[in-house]
Amino acid sequence: MSHPAEEACILKKEGKLRESTVDDSMKREGEINEYLNRLERWRKAIAFNISLKEIHASSLQKIHERQIKTINEEVTKASKALLMVRQAAMNALVEAEFEQYKQELKVMGKCFYQERI
């Protein structure tokens, strides 16, 4: 196998050296540049997609956290409201029992001692 420079000399002597070798190398260089540009576009597209996925994931995480916070606030408010309703019901029950007890004592001719202010 001979060296490419030797082949070029032999072809030149024979008059068969093609001008296309320069054209071929330029064409090949253009193909390589096009390929590198395509790779760079793909790399940018992949990086962009990854960043979109990260943004989407963080967005979903924030939405989830907000929903949990809202649910916790609602549960706290509902617990307070339930406590207030139960306290009001208990106060009404105590008042009703007290009135009933007063009526029973009145029937028996007795009463509570109440201090008037």
N, C-alpha and C. Protein backbone atom coordinates (compact mmCIF):
# COMPACT_ATOMS: atom_id res chain seq x y z
N MET A 1 0.85 -1.18 0.00
CA MET A 1 0.00 0.00 0.00
C MET A 1 0.89 1.23 0.00
N SER A 2 0.62 2.13 -0.86
CA SER A 2 1.46 3.32 -0.99
C SER A 2 0.87 4.48 -0.20
N HIS A 3 1.70 5.42 0.03
CA HIS A 3 1.35 6.61 0.80
C HIS A 3 0.48 7.53 -0.07
N PRO A 4 -0.52 8.26 0.54
CA PRO A 4 -1.39 9.14 -0.27
C PRO A 4 -0.62 10.21 -1.03
N ALA A 5 0.45 10.72 -0.42
CA ALA A 5 1.25 11.74 -1.13
C ALA A 5 1.91 11.14 -2.36
N GLU A 6 2.39 9.90 -2.23
CA GLU A 6 3.01 9.23 -3.37
C GLU A 6 1.98 9.00 -4.47
N GLU A 7 0.74 8.62 -4.05
CA GLU A 7 -0.30 8.41 -5.04
C GLU A 7 -0.62 9.70 -5.77
N ALA A 8 -0.65 10.81 -5.01
CA ALA A 8 -0.94 12.11 -5.63
C ALA A 8 0.14 12.47 -6.65
N CYS A 9 1.42 12.16 -6.30
CA CYS A 9 2.51 12.44 -7.24
C CYS A 9 2.37 11.60 -8.50
N ILE A 10 2.05 10.34 -8.30
CA ILE A 10 1.89 9.43 -9.45
C ILE A 10 0.74 9.90 -10.33
N LEU A 11 -0.40 10.27 -9.70
CA LEU A 11 -1.55 10.74 -10.46
C LEU A 11 -1.24 12.05 -11.17
N LYS A 12 -0.43 12.90 -10.50
CA LYS A 12 -0.09 14.18 -11.11
C LYS A 12 0.79 13.96 -12.34
N LYS A 13 1.74 13.02 -12.20
CA LYS A 13 2.60 12.71 -13.33
C LYS A 13 1.79 12.17 -14.49
N GLU A 14 0.81 11.38 -14.14
CA GLU A 14 0.00 10.78 -15.20
C GLU A 14 -1.04 11.76 -15.71
N GLY A 15 -1.18 12.90 -15.02
CA GLY A 15 -2.17 13.88 -15.45
C GLY A 15 -3.58 13.54 -14.99
N LYS A 16 -3.65 12.63 -14.07
CA LYS A 16 -4.96 12.19 -13.62
C LYS A 16 -5.35 12.80 -12.26
N LEU A 17 -4.51 13.70 -11.78
CA LEU A 17 -4.83 14.32 -10.48
C LEU A 17 -6.10 15.12 -10.66
N ARG A 18 -7.02 14.79 -9.87
CA ARG A 18 -8.31 15.43 -10.00
C ARG A 18 -8.36 16.69 -9.14
N GLU A 19 -9.03 17.67 -9.65
CA GLU A 19 -9.27 18.88 -8.89
C GLU A 19 -10.34 18.60 -7.82
N SER A 20 -10.98 17.48 -8.01
CA SER A 20 -12.09 17.16 -7.12
C SER A 20 -11.63 16.75 -5.72
N THR A 21 -10.33 16.44 -5.54
CA THR A 21 -9.88 16.08 -4.20
C THR A 21 -10.06 17.25 -3.25
N VAL A 22 -9.82 18.46 -3.71
CA VAL A 22 -10.06 19.65 -2.89
C VAL A 22 -11.55 19.81 -2.67
N ASP A 23 -12.29 19.62 -3.76
CA ASP A 23 -13.74 19.72 -3.65
C ASP A 23 -14.29 18.65 -2.71
N ASP A 24 -13.74 17.45 -2.83
CA ASP A 24 -14.19 16.36 -1.95
C ASP A 24 -13.90 16.67 -0.50
N SER A 25 -12.72 17.21 -0.23
CA SER A 25 -12.38 17.50 1.16
C SER A 25 -13.24 18.65 1.69
N MET A 26 -13.52 19.63 0.84
CA MET A 26 -14.40 20.74 1.27
C MET A 26 -15.82 20.23 1.49
N LYS A 27 -16.24 19.35 0.60
CA LYS A 27 -17.58 18.77 0.74
C LYS A 27 -17.67 17.96 2.04
N ARG A 28 -16.62 17.20 2.27
CA ARG A 28 -16.58 16.39 3.51
C ARG A 28 -16.57 17.28 4.74
N GLU A 29 -15.80 18.37 4.67
CA GLU A 29 -15.74 19.32 5.79
C GLU A 29 -17.11 19.97 6.02
N GLY A 30 -17.80 20.28 4.91
CA GLY A 30 -19.15 20.84 5.02
C GLY A 30 -20.11 19.85 5.66
N GLU A 31 -20.01 18.58 5.29
CA GLU A 31 -20.85 17.54 5.88
C GLU A 31 -20.58 17.41 7.38
N ILE A 32 -19.30 17.48 7.73
CA ILE A 32 -18.93 17.38 9.15
C ILE A 32 -19.50 18.57 9.92
N ASN A 33 -19.37 19.78 9.35
CA ASN A 33 -19.91 20.96 10.02
C ASN A 33 -21.43 20.87 10.16
N GLU A 34 -22.09 20.39 9.11
CA GLU A 34 -23.54 20.21 9.17
C GLU A 34 -23.93 19.21 10.25
N TYR A 35 -23.17 18.13 10.33
CA TYR A 35 -23.41 17.11 11.34
C TYR A 35 -23.20 17.68 12.74
N LEU A 36 -22.12 18.46 12.91
CA LEU A 36 -21.85 19.07 14.22
C LEU A 36 -22.95 20.07 14.60
N ASN A 37 -23.42 20.84 13.60
CA ASN A 37 -24.51 21.79 13.86
C ASN A 37 -25.78 21.05 14.28
N ARG A 38 -26.06 19.94 13.58
CA ARG A 38 -27.23 19.14 13.92
C ARG A 38 -27.11 18.58 15.35
N LEU A 39 -25.92 18.10 15.69
CA LEU A 39 -25.69 17.60 17.04
C LEU A 39 -25.89 18.70 18.09
N GLU A 40 -25.42 19.89 17.78
CA GLU A 40 -25.57 21.01 18.70
C GLU A 40 -27.05 21.37 18.87
N ARG A 41 -27.82 21.37 17.79
CA ARG A 41 -29.26 21.64 17.88
C ARG A 41 -29.95 20.58 18.73
N TRP A 42 -29.58 19.32 18.53
CA TRP A 42 -30.16 18.23 19.32
C TRP A 42 -29.82 18.39 20.80
N ARG A 43 -28.55 18.76 21.06
CA ARG A 43 -28.12 18.94 22.45
C ARG A 43 -28.94 20.06 23.10
N LYS A 44 -29.14 21.16 22.37
CA LYS A 44 -29.94 22.27 22.91
C LYS A 44 -31.38 21.85 23.13
N ALA A 45 -31.94 21.08 22.18
CA ALA A 45 -33.32 20.63 22.31
C ALA A 45 -33.47 19.71 23.52
N ILE A 46 -32.52 18.82 23.70
CA ILE A 46 -32.57 17.90 24.85
C ILE A 46 -32.45 18.68 26.15
N ALA A 47 -31.54 19.65 26.20
CA ALA A 47 -31.37 20.47 27.40
C ALA A 47 -32.64 21.25 27.69
N PHE A 48 -33.27 21.78 26.64
CA PHE A 48 -34.52 22.52 26.80
C PHE A 48 -35.63 21.61 27.34
N ASN A 49 -35.74 20.41 26.79
CA ASN A 49 -36.75 19.46 27.27
C ASN A 49 -36.51 19.08 28.72
N ILE A 50 -35.26 18.88 29.09
CA ILE A 50 -34.94 18.54 30.48
C ILE A 50 -35.34 19.69 31.39
N SER A 51 -35.03 20.91 30.98
CA SER A 51 -35.40 22.06 31.82
C SER A 51 -36.91 22.19 31.92
N LEU A 52 -37.63 21.93 30.82
CA LEU A 52 -39.10 21.97 30.89
C LEU A 52 -39.64 20.91 31.85
N LYS A 53 -39.06 19.72 31.82
CA LYS A 53 -39.49 18.67 32.75
C LYS A 53 -39.24 19.08 34.19
N GLU A 54 -38.08 19.71 34.45
CA GLU A 54 -37.77 20.16 35.81
C GLU A 54 -38.75 21.24 36.25
N ILE A 55 -39.05 22.17 35.35
CA ILE A 55 -40.01 23.24 35.68
C ILE A 55 -41.38 22.63 35.95
N HIS A 56 -41.78 21.69 35.10
CA HIS A 56 -43.08 21.03 35.29
C HIS A 56 -43.13 20.28 36.61
N ALA A 57 -42.06 19.56 36.93
CA ALA A 57 -42.02 18.81 38.19
C ALA A 57 -42.06 19.75 39.38
N SER A 58 -41.29 20.84 39.32
CA SER A 58 -41.30 21.78 40.45
C SER A 58 -42.66 22.46 40.55
N SER A 59 -43.28 22.72 39.40
CA SER A 59 -44.62 23.32 39.41
C SER A 59 -45.62 22.37 40.06
N LEU A 60 -45.56 21.10 39.69
CA LEU A 60 -46.46 20.11 40.30
C LEU A 60 -46.20 20.00 41.79
N GLN A 61 -44.94 20.07 42.18
CA GLN A 61 -44.58 19.99 43.61
C GLN A 61 -45.17 21.19 44.35
N LYS A 62 -45.06 22.37 43.77
CA LYS A 62 -45.61 23.57 44.41
C LYS A 62 -47.13 23.48 44.51
N ILE A 63 -47.77 23.00 43.45
CA ILE A 63 -49.23 22.84 43.48
C ILE A 63 -49.62 21.86 44.57
N HIS A 64 -48.89 20.76 44.67
CA HIS A 64 -49.16 19.75 45.69
C HIS A 64 -48.99 20.33 47.09
N GLU A 65 -47.91 21.08 47.29
CA GLU A 65 -47.67 21.70 48.60
C GLU A 65 -48.78 22.69 48.95
N ARG A 66 -49.22 23.51 47.95
CA ARG A 66 -50.30 24.46 48.19
C ARG A 66 -51.59 23.73 48.55
N GLN A 67 -51.88 22.64 47.85
CA GLN A 67 -53.09 21.88 48.15
C GLN A 67 -53.04 21.29 49.55
N ILE A 68 -51.90 20.76 49.94
CA ILE A 68 -51.76 20.20 51.29
C ILE A 68 -51.94 21.30 52.33
N LYS A 69 -51.35 22.47 52.09
CA LYS A 69 -51.49 23.59 53.03
C LYS A 69 -52.95 24.01 53.14
N THR A 70 -53.64 24.10 52.01
CA THR A 70 -55.05 24.49 52.01
C THR A 70 -55.89 23.46 52.76
N ILE A 71 -55.63 22.19 52.52
CA ILE A 71 -56.38 21.13 53.20
C ILE A 71 -56.13 21.19 54.70
N ASN A 72 -54.89 21.40 55.10
CA ASN A 72 -54.58 21.50 56.53
C ASN A 72 -55.29 22.69 57.16
N GLU A 73 -55.33 23.83 56.47
CA GLU A 73 -56.04 25.00 56.98
C GLU A 73 -57.53 24.71 57.10
N GLU A 74 -58.10 24.04 56.09
CA GLU A 74 -59.53 23.70 56.14
C GLU A 74 -59.84 22.76 57.29
N VAL A 75 -58.97 21.79 57.52
CA VAL A 75 -59.18 20.84 58.63
C VAL A 75 -59.10 21.58 59.96
N THR A 76 -58.14 22.49 60.09
CA THR A 76 -58.00 23.26 61.33
C THR A 76 -59.24 24.11 61.57
N LYS A 77 -59.71 24.80 60.54
CA LYS A 77 -60.91 25.63 60.68
C LYS A 77 -62.15 24.78 60.98
N ALA A 78 -62.25 23.64 60.33
CA ALA A 78 -63.39 22.75 60.58
C ALA A 78 -63.35 22.22 62.01
N SER A 79 -62.15 21.92 62.52
CA SER A 79 -62.02 21.44 63.90
C SER A 79 -62.46 22.52 64.88
N LYS A 80 -62.04 23.75 64.62
CA LYS A 80 -62.44 24.86 65.49
C LYS A 80 -63.95 25.08 65.44
N ALA A 81 -64.51 25.02 64.23
CA ALA A 81 -65.96 25.20 64.09
C ALA A 81 -66.71 24.09 64.81
N LEU A 82 -66.24 22.86 64.67
CA LEU A 82 -66.88 21.74 65.35
C LEU A 82 -66.81 21.90 66.86
N LEU A 83 -65.66 22.35 67.35
CA LEU A 83 -65.50 22.58 68.78
C LEU A 83 -66.48 23.65 69.27
N MET A 84 -66.62 24.73 68.51
CA MET A 84 -67.54 25.80 68.89
C MET A 84 -68.99 25.30 68.89
N VAL A 85 -69.35 24.50 67.89
CA VAL A 85 -70.71 23.95 67.82
C VAL A 85 -70.97 23.02 69.01
N ARG A 86 -69.99 22.18 69.33
CA ARG A 86 -70.15 21.27 70.46
C ARG A 86 -70.24 22.03 71.78
N GLN A 87 -69.44 23.08 71.93
CA GLN A 87 -69.51 23.89 73.14
C GLN A 87 -70.86 24.57 73.26
N ALA A 88 -71.37 25.11 72.16
CA ALA A 88 -72.68 25.76 72.17
C ALA A 88 -73.77 24.75 72.51
N ALA A 89 -73.69 23.56 71.95
CA ALA A 89 -74.68 22.51 72.25
C ALA A 89 -74.59 22.10 73.71
N MET A 90 -73.39 22.00 74.25
CA MET A 90 -73.22 21.64 75.66
C MET A 90 -73.78 22.74 76.56
N ASN A 91 -73.50 24.01 76.22
CA ASN A 91 -74.05 25.11 77.01
C ASN A 91 -75.58 25.11 76.98
N ALA A 92 -76.16 24.86 75.80
CA ALA A 92 -77.61 24.81 75.69
C ALA A 92 -78.16 23.66 76.52
N LEU A 93 -77.49 22.51 76.50
CA LEU A 93 -77.93 21.36 77.29
C LEU A 93 -77.88 21.66 78.78
N VAL A 94 -76.79 22.28 79.24
CA VAL A 94 -76.66 22.62 80.66
C VAL A 94 -77.74 23.61 81.07
N GLU A 95 -77.97 24.61 80.21
CA GLU A 95 -79.03 25.59 80.50
C GLU A 95 -80.40 24.91 80.57
N ALA A 96 -80.67 24.00 79.63
CA ALA A 96 -81.97 23.30 79.63
C ALA A 96 -82.11 22.44 80.88
N GLU A 97 -81.06 21.75 81.27
CA GLU A 97 -81.13 20.93 82.49
C GLU A 97 -81.30 21.79 83.73
N PHE A 98 -80.64 22.94 83.75
CA PHE A 98 -80.76 23.85 84.89
C PHE A 98 -82.19 24.36 85.01
N GLU A 99 -82.78 24.74 83.86
CA GLU A 99 -84.18 25.20 83.88
C GLU A 99 -85.11 24.08 84.31
N GLN A 100 -84.86 22.88 83.82
CA GLN A 100 -85.70 21.74 84.21
C GLN A 100 -85.57 21.49 85.72
N TYR A 101 -84.37 21.57 86.24
CA TYR A 101 -84.14 21.34 87.66
C TYR A 101 -84.82 22.43 88.48
N LYS A 102 -84.77 23.69 87.99
CA LYS A 102 -85.46 24.78 88.68
C LYS A 102 -86.96 24.52 88.72
N GLN A 103 -87.51 24.05 87.62
CA GLN A 103 -88.95 23.77 87.57
C GLN A 103 -89.33 22.65 88.54
N GLU A 104 -88.49 21.63 88.61
CA GLU A 104 -88.77 20.52 89.53
C GLU A 104 -88.71 21.00 90.98
N LEU A 105 -87.74 21.87 91.30
CA LEU A 105 -87.66 22.41 92.65
C LEU A 105 -88.85 23.32 92.95
N LYS A 106 -89.30 24.08 91.96
CA LYS A 106 -90.45 24.96 92.14
C LYS A 106 -91.70 24.16 92.45
N VAL A 107 -91.85 23.02 91.76
CA VAL A 107 -93.01 22.15 92.03
C VAL A 107 -92.95 21.64 93.46
N MET A 108 -91.76 21.37 93.95
CA MET A 108 -91.59 20.86 95.30
C MET A 108 -91.63 21.99 96.33
N GLY A 109 -91.67 23.25 95.88
CA GLY A 109 -91.73 24.38 96.78
C GLY A 109 -90.36 24.84 97.25
N LYS A 110 -89.36 24.50 96.55
CA LYS A 110 -88.00 24.91 96.92
C LYS A 110 -87.41 25.77 95.80
N CYS A 111 -86.28 26.39 96.07
CA CYS A 111 -85.65 27.22 95.04
C CYS A 111 -84.15 27.29 95.26
N PHE A 112 -83.47 27.85 94.22
CA PHE A 112 -82.02 28.07 94.31
C PHE A 112 -81.80 29.41 94.99
N TYR A 113 -80.71 29.54 95.68
CA TYR A 113 -80.32 30.83 96.21
C TYR A 113 -79.57 31.54 95.09
N GLN A 114 -80.06 32.71 94.67
CA GLN A 114 -79.42 33.50 93.64
C GLN A 114 -79.08 34.87 94.20
N GLU A 115 -77.87 35.23 94.02
CA GLU A 115 -77.44 36.54 94.50
C GLU A 115 -77.72 37.57 93.43
N ARG A 116 -78.43 38.63 93.82
CA ARG A 116 -78.77 39.68 92.85
C ARG A 116 -77.73 40.77 92.93
N ILE A 117 -77.39 41.25 91.82
CA ILE A 117 -76.36 42.31 91.77
C ILE A 117 -76.98 43.62 91.42
